[in-house]
Amino acid sequence: MSSTTLPKLSEKGALIENHWRELARGRRFYTTISLAVLAFALCGSLWFANETNSGKFLDRLPHLFDFVGDLIPRDPIEVWRALFDLPSPYFDGSLQYDYPEGRYYITETLYVPEYFYKMTETLNIALLSTIIGSFFGFILSFFAARNMTQNVWIRGSARRFMEILRAFPEIVLAGFFLAILSLGPIPAIIAVSIHTIGALGKLFFEVIENADMKPDEGLKAVGANWVERAWFGMVPQVMPNFISYFLLRLEINVRASTIIGAVGGGGIGEQLRLSISRGHEAKTLAIVLLLFLTIIAVDNLSAWLRRRFVGDQAFQAVT
């Protein structure tokens, strides 16, 4: 059998090969050290958690998935009864099976199931917050963009302001406003809107800074003022990306509104917290199922709208 032999490397090739081998050895060494440090930190964290819980953490670790087992209802049909507020044959006067009590009647016979109504409330919080946040983020982005605002103080102030707005998570802001304004959707709308202004404002001004400046130069040459240059020279270019980011943020805000609802911000999140804390299996699974279907619907709708506004060419692979 004939064996193939590698050609002898030149002096320069040998130096490159030796340098590559040294780099590879260095990467392996640092990777090993990093994994060792990570394993040590993980073991230390488990030990600390166990000591903090009086030795019960490791004892309870095998029961990690017991909660999932507790969510199995006595009858699978109960999930659908809870979702559509249908009477349960297991109703015993307790809150666990009082599904029809949550109906929102439109007429004497026509009603909206409780969880659909609460999910609509969550979607309204997310949509209104996204509209408010994108409006103010749109305005601030032009003051924060380097190619639209030459004044360092104005540009820096706009950027620092948006950084402050997005520095705190929505749930932290919601806790603050809930303490001031009491429970309900209004504090949730304010909290999500504030964070959205900072987040979308940053994304918007980065789009503006990457836009083509030739239309702006043409408008400047004919004497257009700053507002006219921004509106007629920049907005038509950046609007498709702005809409794409708006829809992406709407998806994020639907999830954020659900979480805020769990701490008193209204919507479906509050119902989910109550059903979990009370151990109502069918109600919990019904809410989780509705959330899952809603998130899928919102994701697919926003993806379709992005394609309509931005164009299919932006989603095609480069060949």
Protein backbone atom coordinates (compact mmCIF):
# COMPACT_ATOMS: atom_id res chain seq x y z
CA MET A 1 0.00 0.00 0.00
CA SER A 2 1.33 3.41 -0.83
CA SER A 3 1.25 6.06 1.81
CA THR A 4 0.96 9.75 1.07
CA THR A 5 3.50 12.03 2.73
CA LEU A 6 3.05 15.70 3.40
CA PRO A 7 5.38 18.00 1.46
CA LYS A 8 8.20 19.48 3.47
CA LEU A 9 7.38 22.97 4.66
CA SER A 10 9.55 25.92 3.80
CA GLU A 11 11.26 27.86 6.54
CA LYS A 12 8.54 30.51 6.54
CA GLY A 13 5.81 27.83 6.47
CA ALA A 14 7.43 26.03 9.39
CA LEU A 15 7.46 29.25 11.41
CA ILE A 16 3.74 29.77 10.69
CA GLU A 17 2.99 26.15 11.61
CA ASN A 18 4.92 26.42 14.89
CA HIS A 19 3.18 29.71 15.72
CA TRP A 20 -0.22 28.13 15.05
CA ARG A 21 0.62 25.19 17.31
CA GLU A 22 1.66 27.57 20.09
CA LEU A 23 -1.61 29.46 19.77
CA ALA A 24 -3.57 26.19 19.83
CA ARG A 25 -1.74 25.06 22.97
CA GLY A 26 -2.46 28.42 24.58
CA ARG A 27 -6.16 28.19 23.74
CA ARG A 28 -6.38 24.67 25.17
CA PHE A 29 -4.57 25.76 28.32
CA TYR A 30 -6.83 28.77 28.94
CA THR A 31 -9.93 26.73 28.08
CA THR A 32 -8.96 24.11 30.66
CA ILE A 33 -8.31 26.78 33.28
CA SER A 34 -11.65 28.48 32.54
CA LEU A 35 -13.58 25.20 32.81
CA ALA A 36 -11.82 24.40 36.09
CA VAL A 37 -12.69 27.83 37.51
CA LEU A 38 -16.30 27.44 36.32
CA ALA A 39 -16.59 24.00 37.93
CA PHE A 40 -15.10 25.34 41.17
CA ALA A 41 -17.55 28.29 41.18
CA LEU A 42 -20.48 25.95 40.50
CA CYS A 43 -19.48 23.60 43.33
CA GLY A 44 -18.99 26.57 45.65
CA SER A 45 -22.41 27.97 44.72
CA LEU A 46 -24.09 24.64 45.42
CA TRP A 47 -22.29 24.38 48.76
CA PHE A 48 -23.30 27.93 49.70
CA ALA A 49 -26.93 27.30 48.68
CA ASN A 50 -26.97 24.09 50.71
CA GLU A 51 -25.53 25.80 53.81
CA THR A 52 -27.87 28.76 53.47
CA ASN A 53 -30.87 26.41 53.35
CA SER A 54 -29.66 24.46 56.42
CA GLY A 55 -28.57 21.50 54.34
CA LYS A 56 -31.94 21.12 52.62
CA PHE A 57 -30.92 22.32 49.15
CA LEU A 58 -29.19 19.10 48.07
CA ASP A 59 -31.81 17.00 49.85
CA ARG A 60 -34.60 18.68 47.87
CA LEU A 61 -32.71 18.71 44.56
CA PRO A 62 -34.13 15.30 43.43
CA HIS A 63 -37.63 16.78 43.84
CA LEU A 64 -36.91 19.57 41.34
CA PHE A 65 -39.59 18.41 38.89
CA ASP A 66 -42.26 17.54 41.43
CA PHE A 67 -44.01 20.82 40.62
CA VAL A 68 -44.48 19.69 37.02
CA GLY A 69 -46.17 16.53 38.25
CA ASP A 70 -48.46 18.57 40.50
CA LEU A 71 -49.71 20.46 37.43
CA ILE A 72 -51.35 17.38 35.91
CA PRO A 73 -55.13 17.87 36.25
CA ARG A 74 -57.49 15.08 37.26
CA ASP A 75 -59.14 15.30 33.84
CA PRO A 76 -57.44 16.65 30.65
CA ILE A 77 -60.74 18.18 29.54
CA GLU A 78 -60.56 20.46 32.60
CA VAL A 79 -57.92 22.55 30.82
CA TRP A 80 -60.37 23.40 28.03
CA ARG A 81 -63.19 24.02 30.51
CA ALA A 82 -60.97 26.46 32.39
CA LEU A 83 -59.87 28.14 29.16
CA PHE A 84 -63.42 28.75 27.88
CA ASP A 85 -65.12 29.20 31.30
CA LEU A 86 -67.28 26.10 30.93
CA PRO A 87 -68.96 24.48 33.96
CA SER A 88 -66.99 21.66 35.57
CA PRO A 89 -68.56 18.40 36.78
CA TYR A 90 -66.09 18.53 39.68
CA PHE A 91 -67.33 21.87 41.00
CA ASP A 92 -67.49 21.66 44.78
CA GLY A 93 -67.97 25.29 45.70
CA SER A 94 -64.26 26.04 45.84
CA LEU A 95 -62.26 28.46 43.68
CA GLN A 96 -60.49 25.61 41.92
CA TYR A 97 -63.40 24.73 39.66
CA ASP A 98 -65.37 27.99 39.55
CA TYR A 99 -64.66 28.59 35.85
CA PRO A 100 -67.95 30.33 34.87
CA GLU A 101 -67.45 32.95 37.62
CA GLY A 102 -64.78 34.71 35.56
CA ARG A 103 -66.89 35.35 32.47
CA TYR A 104 -67.11 38.88 31.06
CA TYR A 105 -70.64 39.17 29.67
CA ILE A 106 -71.22 41.34 26.60
CA THR A 107 -74.93 40.55 26.48
CA GLU A 108 -77.08 38.36 28.70
CA THR A 109 -75.89 35.23 26.89
CA LEU A 110 -72.75 36.24 24.97
CA TYR A 111 -69.57 36.37 27.04
CA VAL A 112 -65.79 36.58 26.69
CA PRO A 113 -63.85 33.93 28.64
CA GLU A 114 -61.90 35.44 31.53
CA TYR A 115 -58.45 34.48 30.33
CA PHE A 116 -59.08 35.73 26.78
CA TYR A 117 -60.20 39.05 28.27
CA LYS A 118 -57.10 39.26 30.47
CA MET A 119 -54.87 38.29 27.55
CA THR A 120 -56.41 41.11 25.53
CA GLU A 121 -55.61 43.46 28.41
CA THR A 122 -51.97 42.30 28.35
CA LEU A 123 -51.78 42.81 24.58
CA ASN A 124 -53.26 46.29 24.96
CA ILE A 125 -50.63 47.17 27.59
CA ALA A 126 -47.86 45.93 25.29
CA LEU A 127 -49.23 47.68 22.18
CA LEU A 128 -49.87 51.03 23.85
CA SER A 129 -46.48 50.95 25.58
CA THR A 130 -44.74 50.16 22.30
CA ILE A 131 -46.51 53.01 20.50
CA ILE A 132 -45.62 55.52 23.23
CA GLY A 133 -42.04 54.26 23.47
CA SER A 134 -41.46 54.28 19.73
CA PHE A 135 -42.89 57.80 19.39
CA PHE A 136 -40.51 59.36 21.90
CA GLY A 137 -37.67 57.06 20.85
CA PHE A 138 -38.20 58.26 17.26
CA ILE A 139 -37.80 61.90 18.29
CA LEU A 140 -34.79 61.32 20.56
CA SER A 141 -32.99 59.18 17.99
CA PHE A 142 -32.47 62.12 15.63
CA PHE A 143 -30.90 64.17 18.41
CA ALA A 144 -28.67 61.23 19.36
CA ALA A 145 -27.45 60.42 15.83
CA ARG A 146 -23.96 61.72 15.04
CA ASN A 147 -24.76 62.50 11.42
CA MET A 148 -27.88 64.51 12.28
CA THR A 149 -26.79 66.40 15.41
CA GLN A 150 -23.33 67.96 15.39
CA ASN A 151 -23.65 69.55 18.83
CA VAL A 152 -21.81 67.25 21.24
CA TRP A 153 -23.80 68.39 24.28
CA ILE A 154 -27.21 67.79 22.70
CA ARG A 155 -26.15 64.46 21.24
CA GLY A 156 -24.53 63.31 24.48
CA SER A 157 -27.50 64.40 26.60
CA ALA A 158 -29.94 62.48 24.36
CA ARG A 159 -27.82 59.34 24.53
CA ARG A 160 -27.29 59.52 28.30
CA PHE A 161 -31.01 60.10 28.83
CA MET A 162 -31.91 57.00 26.83
CA GLU A 163 -29.26 54.99 28.69
CA ILE A 164 -30.88 55.96 32.00
CA LEU A 165 -34.33 54.97 30.72
CA ARG A 166 -33.21 51.48 29.69
CA ALA A 167 -30.87 50.94 32.64
CA PHE A 168 -33.59 49.47 34.85
CA PRO A 169 -35.65 46.38 33.89
CA GLU A 170 -39.36 46.84 33.32
CA ILE A 171 -40.29 44.89 36.44
CA VAL A 172 -38.17 47.19 38.63
CA LEU A 173 -39.83 50.27 37.15
CA ALA A 174 -43.22 48.61 37.52
CA GLY A 175 -42.58 47.93 41.21
CA PHE A 176 -41.72 51.58 41.71
CA PHE A 177 -44.83 52.90 39.95
CA LEU A 178 -47.08 50.27 41.52
CA ALA A 179 -46.02 51.53 44.93
CA ILE A 180 -46.98 55.08 43.90
CA LEU A 181 -50.03 54.57 41.69
CA SER A 182 -51.43 51.35 43.22
CA LEU A 183 -52.25 48.17 41.31
CA GLY A 184 -53.50 48.11 37.73
CA PRO A 185 -52.41 48.43 34.11
CA ILE A 186 -51.43 52.13 34.26
CA PRO A 187 -48.16 51.55 36.19
CA ALA A 188 -47.37 48.68 33.81
CA ILE A 189 -47.88 50.90 30.76
CA ILE A 190 -45.62 53.61 32.23
CA ALA A 191 -42.89 51.12 33.15
CA VAL A 192 -42.83 49.34 29.79
CA SER A 193 -43.05 52.65 27.89
CA ILE A 194 -40.04 54.10 29.74
CA HIS A 195 -37.86 51.10 29.00
CA THR A 196 -39.07 50.99 25.39
CA ILE A 197 -38.06 54.62 24.81
CA GLY A 198 -34.49 53.87 25.83
CA ALA A 199 -34.26 50.58 23.95
CA LEU A 200 -35.88 51.67 20.68
CA GLY A 201 -34.15 55.06 20.76
CA LYS A 202 -30.76 53.36 20.70
CA LEU A 203 -31.75 51.04 17.86
CA PHE A 204 -33.25 53.92 15.90
CA PHE A 205 -30.25 56.26 16.09
CA GLU A 206 -27.91 53.45 15.04
CA VAL A 207 -30.04 52.98 11.92
CA ILE A 208 -29.92 56.72 11.24
CA GLU A 209 -26.13 56.80 11.56
CA ASN A 210 -25.82 54.09 8.91
CA ALA A 211 -28.16 55.79 6.45
CA ASP A 212 -27.06 57.31 3.14
CA MET A 213 -26.32 61.01 3.61
CA LYS A 214 -26.64 62.02 -0.05
CA PRO A 215 -30.34 63.00 0.24
CA ASP A 216 -29.46 65.05 3.31
CA GLU A 217 -26.66 66.81 1.42
CA GLY A 218 -29.02 67.60 -1.44
CA LEU A 219 -31.65 69.07 0.88
CA LYS A 220 -29.00 71.05 2.71
CA ALA A 221 -27.77 72.45 -0.63
CA VAL A 222 -31.22 73.84 -1.48
CA GLY A 223 -31.60 75.47 1.95
CA ALA A 224 -33.74 72.96 3.84
CA ASN A 225 -33.79 73.33 7.62
CA TRP A 226 -32.96 70.56 10.10
CA VAL A 227 -36.52 69.31 10.47
CA GLU A 228 -37.04 69.16 6.68
CA ARG A 229 -33.74 67.30 6.22
CA ALA A 230 -34.74 64.77 8.88
CA TRP A 231 -38.29 64.29 7.61
CA PHE A 232 -37.72 64.22 3.84
CA GLY A 233 -34.12 63.03 3.63
CA MET A 234 -33.78 60.54 6.47
CA VAL A 235 -37.21 59.19 7.44
CA PRO A 236 -38.01 57.56 4.07
CA GLN A 237 -34.74 55.63 4.28
CA VAL A 238 -34.97 54.46 7.87
CA MET A 239 -38.71 53.90 8.25
CA PRO A 240 -38.72 50.23 7.09
CA ASN A 241 -36.09 49.37 9.71
CA PHE A 242 -37.93 51.45 12.31
CA ILE A 243 -41.10 49.45 11.67
CA SER A 244 -39.15 46.21 11.91
CA TYR A 245 -37.71 47.22 15.29
CA PHE A 246 -41.16 48.39 16.43
CA LEU A 247 -42.62 44.96 15.72
CA LEU A 248 -39.69 43.22 17.38
CA ARG A 249 -40.13 45.36 20.47
CA LEU A 250 -43.85 44.59 20.50
CA GLU A 251 -43.03 40.89 20.83
CA ILE A 252 -40.70 41.65 23.74
CA ASN A 253 -43.26 43.89 25.44
CA VAL A 254 -45.94 41.19 25.32
CA ARG A 255 -43.67 39.00 27.43
CA ALA A 256 -42.70 41.90 29.69
CA SER A 257 -46.36 42.84 30.25
CA THR A 258 -47.12 39.28 31.28
CA ILE A 259 -44.33 39.28 33.85
CA ILE A 260 -45.35 42.69 35.21
CA GLY A 261 -48.91 41.41 35.55
CA ALA A 262 -47.62 38.82 38.02
CA VAL A 263 -46.58 41.61 40.42
CA GLY A 264 -49.88 43.50 40.20
CA GLY A 265 -49.74 45.15 36.78
CA GLY A 266 -52.98 43.61 35.56
CA GLY A 267 -53.54 41.32 32.62
CA ILE A 268 -52.98 37.60 32.30
CA GLY A 269 -49.86 37.57 34.46
CA GLU A 270 -51.83 38.29 37.59
CA GLN A 271 -54.17 35.37 36.91
CA LEU A 272 -51.19 33.09 36.31
CA ARG A 273 -49.62 34.04 39.63
CA LEU A 274 -52.88 33.44 41.50
CA SER A 275 -53.54 30.06 39.89
CA ILE A 276 -49.99 28.84 40.62
CA SER A 277 -50.04 30.04 44.23
CA ARG A 278 -53.43 28.37 44.83
CA GLY A 279 -52.43 25.10 43.18
CA HIS A 280 -55.16 25.20 40.52
CA GLU A 281 -53.75 22.83 37.91
CA ALA A 282 -56.31 23.23 35.13
CA LYS A 283 -56.35 27.02 35.37
CA THR A 284 -52.54 27.20 35.33
CA LEU A 285 -52.25 24.96 32.27
CA ALA A 286 -55.03 26.88 30.50
CA ILE A 287 -53.19 30.18 31.00
CA VAL A 288 -49.86 28.68 29.93
CA LEU A 289 -51.50 27.25 26.80
CA LEU A 290 -53.10 30.61 25.97
CA LEU A 291 -49.79 32.42 26.51
CA PHE A 292 -48.00 29.93 24.28
CA LEU A 293 -50.51 30.29 21.45
CA THR A 294 -50.55 34.08 21.79
CA ILE A 295 -46.76 34.39 21.63
CA ILE A 296 -46.68 32.18 18.53
CA ALA A 297 -49.42 34.26 16.90
CA VAL A 298 -47.68 37.56 17.73
CA ASP A 299 -44.31 36.28 16.48
CA ASN A 300 -45.74 35.06 13.19
CA LEU A 301 -47.83 38.18 12.65
CA SER A 302 -44.89 40.49 13.31
CA ALA A 303 -42.64 38.40 11.03
CA TRP A 304 -45.24 38.67 8.24
CA LEU A 305 -45.59 42.41 8.75
CA ARG A 306 -41.81 42.88 8.74
CA ARG A 307 -41.61 41.13 5.40
CA ARG A 308 -44.39 43.32 4.04
CA PHE A 309 -42.75 46.55 5.16
CA VAL A 310 -39.05 45.77 4.76
CA GLY A 311 -39.32 43.49 1.72
CA ASP A 312 -38.51 39.84 1.10
CA GLN A 313 -35.05 40.71 -0.22
CA ALA A 314 -33.92 41.63 3.31
CA PHE A 315 -34.65 38.07 4.48
CA GLN A 316 -32.99 36.20 1.62
CA ALA A 317 -29.62 34.54 2.07
CA VAL A 318 -26.69 36.20 0.33
CA THR A 319 -25.30 33.94 -2.41
